[in-house]
Amino acid sequence: MSTFCSLGKHTGMLLMALASFQALAQEAKPPLPPPAADAKDKDKEKPATEKEPPLPADAHVAQSIQLEGKTLNYTVTVGALPVFDKDGKKSGEVVFTAYTMSGPDRAVTFAFNGGPGAASVYLNLGAIGPKHVKFGDQGDSPSDPATLTDNPGTWLDFTDLVFIDPIGTGYSRSLASADETKKQFYTTENDIHYLSRIIYDWLVKNGRMASRKYLVGESYGGYRGPRITHYLQSTLGVAMNGAVLVSPYLNPAQDENADMSPIPWMMTLPSITAAHLEREHKLTPEAMAPVIAYTRGEYATDLMKGHSDPKATPRIVERVTQMTGLEPEFVRRAGGRLEIGAYLREVFREQGKIGSVYDSNVTAYDPYPFAPEQRTNDPILESIIAPTTTAMVDFVTRVVGWKTDARYNALSYEVASQWDRDSRSLQAGAVPDLRQAVAADPKLRVLIAHGWNDLSCPFMGSVLTVDQMPLMGDATRVAVREYPGGHMFYNRAESQAGLRKDVREMFSRH
């Protein structure tokens, strides 16, 4: 199966696996007949404004939450900022949700999710916004009431928050033709440029250019993070004080050439082991330390030896079987190189279930258990669209009063399927921009946060990446932290609290 967000040929990432899962869904039902050629051509020429009602003016509402025994009073603003093409014509509208509080020296943090094709609702109502809805954990159901509650993990007490939905996600939309939309908004470079300008424009509009400024991005948003930070810093003249990269897609080419390189297998083995340790109720940083040491050491060495050492593969198989709890025959047939798709079907096969690539301990029943390969959507992706969409649409339209009949896209399969996947800059990854931004600003700090169990963007990939970066002064300026859970580890209260503590400490350094 082919995915844009893949770790080589092995897996996909939130929320970039949309395209491949869309293809899987299409295999299960007959395709719709294509429209007539002239209708397609007319649709390409027709601006979005002819198809959808105009977006409303900015709307505001005062709200409050209880946080650590105190009342936080804040203002919610939902509105849109324009995007202009190279000729100065308005070509898009980006919708944002901002939470602001009064007070001196308030920092402001801009938040993006990933995909491409994901709205910012996951960070907003799942991780760091003042309100929270349950989703993405074992036992959560799409039909559960999408009830908003006060979020104990919010960052609002120490920073204002602006959640930005890229074009094609949330209520944000293109006003250009279909062809121009793909060129202007669904390419890696243009995505970075117009989203950076949205941050610039929000700061100017709200008189916040002098504020301390931060950025948080999840998944592909974690790829956006260093690139937007560097582009703002070096081109638009706006310097970020720090960036938080949540389960980031930093280094797309890191796991290439799995037939020769040990790195793809080094990236995934620790997360598979972490999931096993969690099932055994033994997952701790202390338990993971020897796992990481073995992965960096003997495992990598034995993988490199291949058949030059007849004892290398048997050593790998014995140790990997012990670490992961998998059937010895399964590990032996894989040569100790655990392909993620095969693992996710194997680990819960006796229960008739399949694990999620975003957290293999979150499962669902496999509707095609005897098929040669996975034929269903990911268990987490399948379950999170309903609660996040319901909660966000109700909040925006009823609570805030930003009335619109437009459709809200929590996850857009259309954006994912149209994205430019062959961009050279995408393949180069975000690490060059990360290095350059950190080198240029000796006060810039970056926190890279991962869940132990995430197999879509494994933590070991970031550990290996940061290990190869020069220190450039203080070694803690670029730090990797791991927490129990998966790609959206913040849906676990303990991990969300740990992230909040680590981020607050980073912000306090400025």
Protein backbone atom coordinates (compact mmCIF):
# COMPACT_ATOMS: atom_id res chain seq x y z
CA MET A 1 0.00 0.00 0.00
CA SER A 2 1.32 3.42 -0.92
CA THR A 3 1.07 6.43 1.37
CA PHE A 4 2.42 9.93 1.27
CA CYS A 5 3.14 9.98 4.97
CA SER A 6 4.84 6.69 4.89
CA LEU A 7 7.94 5.67 6.67
CA GLY A 8 9.29 4.24 3.46
CA LYS A 9 7.09 1.33 2.46
CA HIS A 10 6.32 0.38 6.01
CA THR A 11 3.59 2.61 7.36
CA GLY A 12 1.63 5.86 7.33
CA MET A 13 1.30 8.80 9.69
CA LEU A 14 -1.37 11.02 11.13
CA LEU A 15 -2.93 12.28 9.25
CA MET A 16 -1.10 11.63 6.06
CA ALA A 17 -2.35 8.05 5.58
CA LEU A 18 -5.62 9.45 4.29
CA ALA A 19 -4.82 8.83 0.65
CA SER A 20 -4.01 5.17 1.08
CA PHE A 21 -6.98 4.51 3.33
CA GLN A 22 -9.20 6.27 0.82
CA ALA A 23 -7.92 3.81 -1.78
CA LEU A 24 -8.71 0.92 0.56
CA ALA A 25 -12.23 2.22 1.06
CA GLN A 26 -12.73 2.56 -2.66
CA GLU A 27 -11.78 -1.09 -3.18
CA ALA A 28 -14.75 -2.11 -1.04
CA LYS A 29 -17.38 -0.30 -3.13
CA PRO A 30 -17.98 0.30 -6.83
CA PRO A 31 -16.58 3.59 -8.11
CA LEU A 32 -18.92 6.39 -9.00
CA PRO A 33 -19.26 7.11 -12.72
CA PRO A 34 -17.07 10.04 -13.78
CA PRO A 35 -18.81 13.30 -14.74
CA ALA A 36 -18.95 14.32 -18.36
CA ALA A 37 -15.78 15.94 -19.68
CA ASP A 38 -17.40 19.33 -20.17
CA ALA A 39 -18.77 19.28 -16.61
CA LYS A 40 -15.30 18.55 -15.23
CA ASP A 41 -13.81 21.40 -17.22
CA LYS A 42 -16.48 23.82 -16.02
CA ASP A 43 -15.91 22.75 -12.44
CA LYS A 44 -12.18 23.49 -12.77
CA GLU A 45 -12.99 27.01 -13.95
CA LYS A 46 -15.70 27.77 -11.40
CA PRO A 47 -14.53 29.73 -8.32
CA ALA A 48 -15.42 28.32 -4.91
CA THR A 49 -17.50 31.45 -4.16
CA GLU A 50 -20.07 30.30 -6.73
CA LYS A 51 -20.51 27.00 -4.92
CA GLU A 52 -20.56 28.02 -1.26
CA PRO A 53 -22.13 30.82 0.78
CA PRO A 54 -19.84 33.64 1.95
CA LEU A 55 -18.11 33.19 5.28
CA PRO A 56 -19.44 35.31 8.16
CA ALA A 57 -17.61 38.14 9.92
CA ASP A 58 -15.46 37.36 12.96
CA ALA A 59 -17.46 36.22 15.98
CA HIS A 60 -16.49 36.47 19.65
CA VAL A 61 -17.71 34.95 22.89
CA ALA A 62 -16.49 35.19 26.50
CA GLN A 63 -15.92 31.92 28.29
CA SER A 64 -14.23 30.55 31.40
CA ILE A 65 -12.81 27.30 32.71
CA GLN A 66 -11.57 25.98 36.02
CA LEU A 67 -7.87 25.10 35.97
CA GLU A 68 -5.94 23.95 39.02
CA GLY A 69 -8.46 25.57 41.37
CA LYS A 70 -8.49 28.91 39.52
CA THR A 71 -10.93 30.49 37.08
CA LEU A 72 -9.55 31.46 33.68
CA ASN A 73 -11.63 34.04 31.83
CA TYR A 74 -10.91 34.24 28.12
CA THR A 75 -12.33 35.30 24.75
CA VAL A 76 -12.91 32.93 21.85
CA THR A 77 -12.71 34.40 18.35
CA VAL A 78 -13.56 32.52 15.18
CA GLY A 79 -12.79 34.32 11.95
CA ALA A 80 -11.07 34.19 8.58
CA LEU A 81 -7.99 35.77 7.03
CA PRO A 82 -7.60 36.19 3.27
CA VAL A 83 -4.91 34.67 1.06
CA PHE A 84 -3.85 36.54 -2.08
CA ASP A 85 -2.22 35.10 -5.19
CA LYS A 86 0.84 36.55 -6.94
CA ASP A 87 -1.39 39.00 -8.83
CA GLY A 88 -2.95 40.35 -5.65
CA LYS A 89 -6.28 38.57 -6.20
CA LYS A 90 -7.98 37.00 -3.20
CA SER A 91 -7.62 33.26 -3.74
CA GLY A 92 -8.46 31.71 -0.38
CA GLU A 93 -9.79 32.16 3.14
CA VAL A 94 -8.11 30.62 6.19
CA VAL A 95 -10.32 30.14 9.23
CA PHE A 96 -8.81 30.34 12.71
CA THR A 97 -10.01 29.80 16.27
CA ALA A 98 -8.26 32.01 18.81
CA TYR A 99 -8.34 31.89 22.60
CA THR A 100 -7.00 35.05 24.24
CA MET A 101 -6.77 36.40 27.78
CA SER A 102 -6.10 39.88 29.08
CA GLY A 103 -2.87 40.55 30.89
CA PRO A 104 0.61 41.95 30.34
CA ASP A 105 3.30 40.13 28.33
CA ARG A 106 1.03 37.34 27.09
CA ALA A 107 2.76 34.94 24.71
CA VAL A 108 0.89 33.68 21.64
CA THR A 109 1.13 30.18 20.18
CA PHE A 110 0.03 29.17 16.67
CA ALA A 111 -1.12 25.58 16.22
CA PHE A 112 -1.32 23.34 13.14
CA ASN A 113 -2.24 19.73 12.67
CA GLY A 114 -1.04 17.64 9.78
CA GLY A 115 -2.29 15.32 7.11
CA PRO A 116 -1.99 17.09 4.83
CA GLY A 117 -5.75 17.27 5.12
CA ALA A 118 -6.25 17.60 8.89
CA ALA A 119 -7.91 20.53 10.61
CA SER A 120 -6.46 21.84 13.87
CA VAL A 121 -9.33 20.39 15.94
CA TYR A 122 -7.14 17.55 17.23
CA LEU A 123 -4.70 19.85 19.01
CA ASN A 124 -7.54 22.22 19.89
CA LEU A 125 -10.14 19.94 21.47
CA GLY A 126 -7.81 17.02 22.13
CA ALA A 127 -4.57 18.44 23.49
CA ILE A 128 -4.08 22.09 24.44
CA GLY A 129 -7.23 24.18 23.95
CA PRO A 130 -9.34 25.17 26.97
CA LYS A 131 -12.10 22.69 26.10
CA HIS A 132 -11.76 18.95 25.53
CA VAL A 133 -13.67 16.12 23.87
CA LYS A 134 -12.77 12.45 24.23
CA PHE A 135 -11.51 10.59 21.16
CA GLY A 136 -8.86 8.19 19.96
CA ASP A 137 -8.36 6.05 23.07
CA GLN A 138 -9.24 2.39 23.52
CA GLY A 139 -12.97 2.06 24.15
CA ASP A 140 -13.92 5.47 22.72
CA SER A 141 -16.84 5.17 20.32
CA PRO A 142 -17.76 7.45 17.39
CA SER A 143 -21.33 7.54 18.70
CA ASP A 144 -20.39 8.64 22.23
CA PRO A 145 -21.79 12.08 23.14
CA ALA A 146 -19.36 14.75 21.87
CA THR A 147 -19.45 16.62 25.16
CA LEU A 148 -16.98 19.44 25.78
CA THR A 149 -15.44 19.66 29.25
CA ASP A 150 -12.78 21.89 30.83
CA ASN A 151 -9.35 20.73 29.68
CA PRO A 152 -6.84 20.21 32.53
CA GLY A 153 -4.03 20.00 29.96
CA THR A 154 -4.63 23.37 28.32
CA TRP A 155 -1.77 25.81 27.80
CA LEU A 156 -4.05 28.85 27.98
CA ASP A 157 -2.86 29.93 31.41
CA PHE A 158 0.62 30.68 30.02
CA THR A 159 -0.04 31.50 26.34
CA ASP A 160 -2.80 32.69 24.05
CA LEU A 161 -3.68 30.06 21.44
CA VAL A 162 -4.47 30.46 17.72
CA PHE A 163 -5.53 27.30 15.88
CA ILE A 164 -5.15 27.54 12.11
CA ASP A 165 -6.90 25.34 9.55
CA PRO A 166 -5.04 25.14 6.21
CA ILE A 167 -7.00 25.51 2.98
CA GLY A 168 -9.27 22.51 2.40
CA THR A 169 -9.54 21.68 6.12
CA GLY A 170 -12.00 22.88 8.73
CA TYR A 171 -13.97 25.71 7.13
CA SER A 172 -10.94 27.11 5.28
CA ARG A 173 -11.35 27.16 1.51
CA SER A 174 -9.89 28.08 -1.82
CA LEU A 175 -11.59 30.68 -4.01
CA ALA A 176 -9.60 29.57 -7.06
CA SER A 177 -10.33 26.96 -9.69
CA ALA A 178 -9.53 23.33 -8.97
CA ASP A 179 -6.29 23.44 -10.95
CA GLU A 180 -5.17 26.69 -9.30
CA THR A 181 -6.13 25.37 -5.88
CA LYS A 182 -3.79 22.43 -6.31
CA LYS A 183 -0.97 24.70 -7.49
CA GLN A 184 -1.41 27.41 -4.86
CA PHE A 185 -2.31 25.37 -1.78
CA TYR A 186 -1.55 21.67 -2.18
CA THR A 187 2.21 21.89 -2.71
CA THR A 188 4.80 21.73 0.02
CA GLU A 189 6.48 25.08 -0.65
CA ASN A 190 3.32 27.13 -1.14
CA ASP A 191 1.80 25.56 1.96
CA ILE A 192 4.69 26.86 4.05
CA HIS A 193 4.59 30.31 2.43
CA TYR A 194 0.89 31.13 2.74
CA LEU A 195 0.57 29.69 6.27
CA SER A 196 3.56 31.76 7.38
CA ARG A 197 1.86 34.82 5.94
CA ILE A 198 -1.33 33.97 7.86
CA ILE A 199 0.68 34.06 11.11
CA TYR A 200 2.20 37.39 10.06
CA ASP A 201 -1.23 38.83 9.19
CA TRP A 202 -2.83 37.66 12.45
CA LEU A 203 -0.04 39.28 14.45
CA VAL A 204 -0.45 42.57 12.60
CA LYS A 205 -4.26 42.54 12.75
CA ASN A 206 -4.23 41.92 16.50
CA GLY A 207 -1.32 44.20 17.42
CA ARG A 208 0.81 41.29 18.65
CA MET A 209 4.05 41.65 16.68
CA ALA A 210 5.94 42.46 19.90
CA SER A 211 4.60 39.42 21.80
CA ARG A 212 6.63 36.32 22.52
CA LYS A 213 5.71 33.88 19.77
CA TYR A 214 5.62 30.09 19.60
CA LEU A 215 4.47 27.42 17.19
CA VAL A 216 3.12 23.92 17.76
CA GLY A 217 2.60 21.37 15.00
CA GLU A 218 1.44 17.77 15.11
CA SER A 219 2.39 15.04 12.61
CA TYR A 220 2.77 16.75 9.21
CA GLY A 221 2.26 19.90 11.26
CA GLY A 222 5.54 18.85 12.88
CA TYR A 223 7.10 19.01 9.41
CA ARG A 224 5.53 22.43 8.92
CA GLY A 225 6.88 23.64 12.27
CA PRO A 226 10.61 24.02 11.55
CA ARG A 227 9.97 25.16 7.97
CA ILE A 228 7.47 27.86 8.98
CA THR A 229 9.74 28.92 11.85
CA HIS A 230 12.71 29.33 9.50
CA TYR A 231 10.67 31.04 6.75
CA LEU A 232 9.18 33.53 9.21
CA GLN A 233 12.60 34.15 10.70
CA SER A 234 14.57 34.54 7.46
CA THR A 235 12.01 35.88 4.96
CA LEU A 236 9.04 37.56 6.68
CA GLY A 237 11.08 38.96 9.55
CA VAL A 238 9.13 37.38 12.43
CA ALA A 239 11.19 35.37 14.92
CA MET A 240 9.61 32.56 16.90
CA ASN A 241 10.81 32.08 20.47
CA GLY A 242 10.20 28.35 20.34
CA ALA A 243 8.52 25.42 18.62
CA VAL A 244 6.84 22.29 19.95
CA LEU A 245 6.74 19.40 17.49
CA VAL A 246 4.18 16.77 18.47
CA SER A 247 4.74 13.33 16.88
CA PRO A 248 6.45 15.10 13.99
CA TYR A 249 7.15 13.94 10.45
CA LEU A 250 10.64 15.39 10.44
CA ASN A 251 12.77 13.28 8.16
CA PRO A 252 10.90 11.56 5.29
CA ALA A 253 13.95 9.95 3.71
CA GLN A 254 15.26 8.55 6.99
CA ASP A 255 14.00 5.03 6.45
CA GLU A 256 14.78 4.55 2.78
CA ASN A 257 16.52 1.44 1.47
CA ALA A 258 15.22 -0.98 4.08
CA ASP A 259 16.91 -3.87 2.27
CA MET A 260 20.32 -2.42 3.09
CA SER A 261 19.98 0.11 5.88
CA PRO A 262 19.28 -0.88 9.49
CA ILE A 263 17.62 2.48 10.24
CA PRO A 264 14.02 1.60 9.22
CA TRP A 265 14.03 -1.37 11.61
CA MET A 266 15.82 0.63 14.31
CA MET A 267 13.06 3.22 14.16
CA THR A 268 10.19 0.81 14.74
CA LEU A 269 11.52 -1.88 17.09
CA PRO A 270 11.51 0.36 20.22
CA SER A 271 7.87 1.40 19.67
CA ILE A 272 6.74 -2.20 19.15
CA THR A 273 8.61 -3.16 22.31
CA ALA A 274 7.03 -0.23 24.19
CA ALA A 275 3.56 -1.44 23.22
CA HIS A 276 4.39 -4.92 24.56
CA LEU A 277 5.75 -3.48 27.80
CA GLU A 278 2.58 -1.44 28.20
CA ARG A 279 0.42 -4.55 27.80
CA GLU A 280 2.56 -6.13 30.53
CA HIS A 281 2.16 -2.98 32.70
CA LYS A 282 5.94 -2.56 32.67
CA LEU A 283 6.40 0.51 30.46
CA THR A 284 8.71 3.04 32.13
CA PRO A 285 11.65 5.16 30.96
CA GLU A 286 13.88 2.81 32.92
CA ALA A 287 12.49 -0.21 31.05
CA MET A 288 12.97 1.55 27.72
CA ALA A 289 16.59 2.56 28.31
CA PRO A 290 18.08 -0.91 27.54
CA VAL A 291 15.71 -1.24 24.55
CA ILE A 292 17.10 1.95 23.04
CA ALA A 293 20.67 0.91 23.89
CA TYR A 294 20.22 -2.47 22.19
CA THR A 295 18.63 -0.82 19.14
CA ARG A 296 21.54 1.62 18.77
CA GLY A 297 24.12 -1.08 19.41
CA GLU A 298 23.96 -4.82 18.89
CA TYR A 299 20.72 -4.78 16.85
CA ALA A 300 22.10 -2.27 14.33
CA THR A 301 25.43 -4.11 14.17
CA ASP A 302 23.86 -7.52 13.59
CA LEU A 303 21.52 -6.15 10.94
CA MET A 304 24.52 -4.73 9.11
CA LYS A 305 26.40 -8.04 9.30
CA GLY A 306 23.77 -9.95 7.35
CA HIS A 307 24.94 -13.43 6.34
CA SER A 308 28.60 -12.50 6.87
CA ASP A 309 28.00 -13.70 10.43
CA PRO A 310 25.78 -16.83 10.46
CA LYS A 311 24.95 -16.20 14.12
CA ALA A 312 23.76 -12.61 13.62
CA THR A 313 20.19 -13.26 12.50
CA PRO A 314 19.52 -15.98 15.10
CA ARG A 315 20.75 -13.54 17.77
CA ILE A 316 18.37 -10.89 16.44
CA VAL A 317 15.41 -13.28 16.34
CA GLU A 318 15.97 -14.49 19.88
CA ARG A 319 16.32 -10.99 21.32
CA VAL A 320 13.46 -9.43 19.34
CA THR A 321 11.13 -12.29 20.32
CA GLN A 322 11.99 -11.73 23.95
CA MET A 323 11.52 -7.95 23.70
CA THR A 324 8.23 -7.92 21.79
CA GLY A 325 6.41 -10.99 23.09
CA LEU A 326 5.56 -12.02 19.53
CA GLU A 327 5.39 -15.63 18.35
CA PRO A 328 8.94 -16.91 17.69
CA GLU A 329 7.97 -18.26 14.27
CA PHE A 330 6.58 -14.88 13.18
CA VAL A 331 9.81 -13.15 14.25
CA ARG A 332 11.96 -15.87 12.65
CA ARG A 333 10.20 -15.59 9.29
CA ALA A 334 10.69 -11.82 9.43
CA GLY A 335 14.37 -12.17 10.29
CA GLY A 336 13.80 -9.90 13.28
CA ARG A 337 12.81 -7.10 10.90
CA LEU A 338 9.25 -6.29 11.94
CA GLU A 339 7.16 -4.83 9.12
CA ILE A 340 4.53 -2.61 10.70
CA GLY A 341 1.51 -3.71 8.68
CA ALA A 342 2.23 -7.38 9.36
CA TYR A 343 2.81 -6.68 13.06
CA LEU A 344 -0.46 -4.77 13.50
CA ARG A 345 -2.42 -7.73 12.07
CA GLU A 346 -0.42 -10.35 13.94
CA VAL A 347 -0.33 -8.97 17.48
CA PHE A 348 -4.10 -9.22 18.06
CA ARG A 349 -4.94 -11.87 15.47
CA GLU A 350 -6.21 -14.40 18.04
CA GLN A 351 -8.79 -11.84 19.18
CA GLY A 352 -9.91 -11.11 15.62
CA LYS A 353 -8.70 -7.54 15.98
CA ILE A 354 -6.22 -5.20 14.33
CA GLY A 355 -4.01 -2.58 15.97
CA SER A 356 -3.72 1.06 14.97
CA VAL A 357 -0.54 2.39 13.40
CA TYR A 358 -0.98 5.45 15.64
CA ASP A 359 -1.08 3.34 18.82
CA SER A 360 -0.96 -0.41 18.35
CA ASN A 361 -2.70 -1.00 21.68
CA VAL A 362 -5.80 0.76 20.38
CA THR A 363 -7.67 -1.90 18.42
CA ALA A 364 -10.83 -2.62 16.47
CA TYR A 365 -12.35 -5.77 15.07
CA ASP A 366 -10.91 -6.66 11.69
CA PRO A 367 -13.84 -7.02 9.26
CA TYR A 368 -11.57 -8.92 6.83
CA PRO A 369 -9.47 -11.15 9.10
CA PHE A 370 -8.66 -13.71 6.40
CA ALA A 371 -7.67 -11.25 3.68
CA PRO A 372 -3.98 -11.36 2.70
CA GLU A 373 -3.55 -7.70 3.69
CA GLN A 374 -5.42 -5.00 5.59
CA ARG A 375 -8.63 -3.96 3.85
CA THR A 376 -10.09 -1.60 6.42
CA ASN A 377 -9.35 1.89 7.62
CA ASP A 378 -7.10 2.40 10.62
CA PRO A 379 -8.96 1.83 13.93
CA ILE A 380 -8.15 5.32 15.22
CA LEU A 381 -8.78 7.19 11.97
CA GLU A 382 -12.09 5.37 11.60
CA SER A 383 -13.31 6.54 15.00
CA ILE A 384 -12.16 10.15 15.44
CA ILE A 385 -13.91 12.03 12.63
CA ALA A 386 -17.40 11.91 14.15
CA PRO A 387 -16.65 13.20 17.68
CA THR A 388 -14.24 15.91 16.56
CA THR A 389 -16.50 17.14 13.77
CA THR A 390 -19.64 17.14 15.92
CA ALA A 391 -17.94 18.92 18.82
CA MET A 392 -16.23 21.55 16.67
CA VAL A 393 -19.23 22.38 14.47
CA ASP A 394 -21.50 22.75 17.50
CA PHE A 395 -18.92 24.88 19.33
CA VAL A 396 -18.24 27.22 16.39
CA THR A 397 -21.80 27.67 15.16
CA ARG A 398 -23.84 27.51 18.37
CA VAL A 399 -21.51 28.53 21.21
CA VAL A 400 -19.36 31.12 19.42
CA GLY A 401 -22.12 32.09 16.99
CA TRP A 402 -20.03 32.00 13.81
CA LYS A 403 -22.97 30.89 11.67
CA THR A 404 -22.23 29.06 8.45
CA ASP A 405 -23.81 26.27 6.46
CA ALA A 406 -20.49 25.30 4.89
CA ARG A 407 -19.18 21.81 5.51
CA TYR A 408 -16.50 21.31 8.16
CA ASN A 409 -13.62 19.00 7.18
CA ALA A 410 -11.91 17.47 10.19
CA LEU A 411 -10.06 15.19 7.77
CA SER A 412 -10.06 15.89 4.05
CA TYR A 413 -9.41 12.93 1.78
CA GLU A 414 -9.53 15.32 -1.17
CA VAL A 415 -6.59 17.37 0.09
CA ALA A 416 -4.58 14.22 0.83
CA SER A 417 -5.24 12.73 -2.61
CA GLN A 418 -4.31 15.94 -4.45
CA TRP A 419 -1.17 16.79 -2.49
CA ASP A 420 2.13 17.08 -4.36
CA ARG A 421 3.92 13.98 -3.10
CA ASP A 422 6.97 14.22 -5.31
CA SER A 423 8.30 17.56 -4.12
CA ARG A 424 12.08 17.57 -3.68
CA SER A 425 11.70 19.86 -0.68
CA LEU A 426 9.35 17.36 0.97
CA GLN A 427 11.83 14.53 0.48
CA ALA A 428 14.55 16.71 1.98
CA GLY A 429 12.46 16.93 5.15
CA ALA A 430 12.28 19.64 7.77
CA VAL A 431 15.64 18.96 9.39
CA PRO A 432 17.63 21.43 7.22
CA ASP A 433 15.26 24.23 8.29
CA LEU A 434 15.42 23.05 11.90
CA ARG A 435 19.21 23.20 11.87
CA GLN A 436 19.32 26.60 10.20
CA ALA A 437 16.68 28.19 12.44
CA VAL A 438 18.42 26.94 15.60
CA ALA A 439 21.82 28.05 14.30
CA ALA A 440 20.58 31.54 13.43
CA ASP A 441 18.89 32.19 16.79
CA PRO A 442 20.87 31.13 19.87
CA LYS A 443 17.75 31.63 22.03
CA LEU A 444 15.36 29.49 19.97
CA ARG A 445 14.21 26.34 21.78
CA VAL A 446 12.56 23.27 20.25
CA LEU A 447 10.73 20.48 22.10
CA ILE A 448 10.05 17.29 20.12
CA ALA A 449 7.34 15.23 21.82
CA HIS A 450 6.43 11.62 21.02
CA GLY A 451 4.30 8.77 22.32
CA TRP A 452 6.21 5.57 22.98
CA ASN A 453 3.73 3.43 21.01
CA ASP A 454 3.49 5.52 17.83
CA LEU A 455 4.40 3.50 14.73
CA SER A 456 3.40 6.17 12.22
CA CYS A 457 6.10 8.62 13.37
CA PRO A 458 8.22 6.56 15.77
CA PHE A 459 10.07 8.42 18.49
CA MET A 460 13.32 6.69 17.58
CA GLY A 461 13.36 8.53 14.26
CA SER A 462 13.55 11.86 16.09
CA VAL A 463 16.11 10.52 18.56
CA LEU A 464 18.40 9.41 15.72
CA THR A 465 17.86 12.71 13.89
CA VAL A 466 18.67 14.91 16.87
CA ASP A 467 21.67 12.73 17.75
CA GLN A 468 23.24 13.79 14.44
CA MET A 469 22.64 17.53 14.90
CA PRO A 470 25.49 19.72 16.18
CA LEU A 471 24.93 20.97 19.70
CA MET A 472 25.10 24.68 18.79
CA GLY A 473 25.55 25.79 22.38
CA ASP A 474 23.11 24.52 25.00
CA ALA A 475 22.42 20.83 24.33
CA THR A 476 18.89 21.15 25.73
CA ARG A 477 17.79 23.69 23.10
CA VAL A 478 16.54 20.82 20.90
CA ALA A 479 15.12 18.13 23.17
CA VAL A 480 13.20 14.90 22.56
CA ARG A 481 10.67 13.76 25.14
CA GLU A 482 8.61 10.55 25.19
CA TYR A 483 5.34 9.84 26.95
CA PRO A 484 3.05 6.80 27.35
CA GLY A 485 0.63 6.50 24.44
CA GLY A 486 0.77 6.76 20.70
CA HIS A 487 0.62 9.42 18.01
CA MET A 488 -2.02 11.33 20.01
CA PHE A 489 -0.48 10.49 23.38
CA TYR A 490 -2.20 13.55 24.82
CA ASN A 491 -5.48 11.60 25.01
CA ARG A 492 -4.01 10.04 28.15
CA ALA A 493 -4.30 12.32 31.14
CA GLU A 494 -0.86 11.52 32.57
CA SER A 495 0.88 12.11 29.24
CA GLN A 496 -1.06 15.29 28.56
CA ALA A 497 -0.01 16.59 31.99
CA GLY A 498 3.61 15.67 31.27
CA LEU A 499 3.54 17.56 27.97
CA ARG A 500 1.98 20.60 29.62
CA LYS A 501 4.68 20.59 32.33
CA ASP A 502 7.55 20.28 29.83
CA VAL A 503 6.16 22.97 27.52
CA ARG A 504 5.48 25.38 30.37
CA GLU A 505 9.06 24.94 31.53
CA MET A 506 10.34 25.68 28.02
CA PHE A 507 8.19 28.81 27.77
CA SER A 508 9.46 30.02 31.15
CA ARG A 509 13.01 30.22 29.79
CA HIS A 510 12.09 33.30 27.72
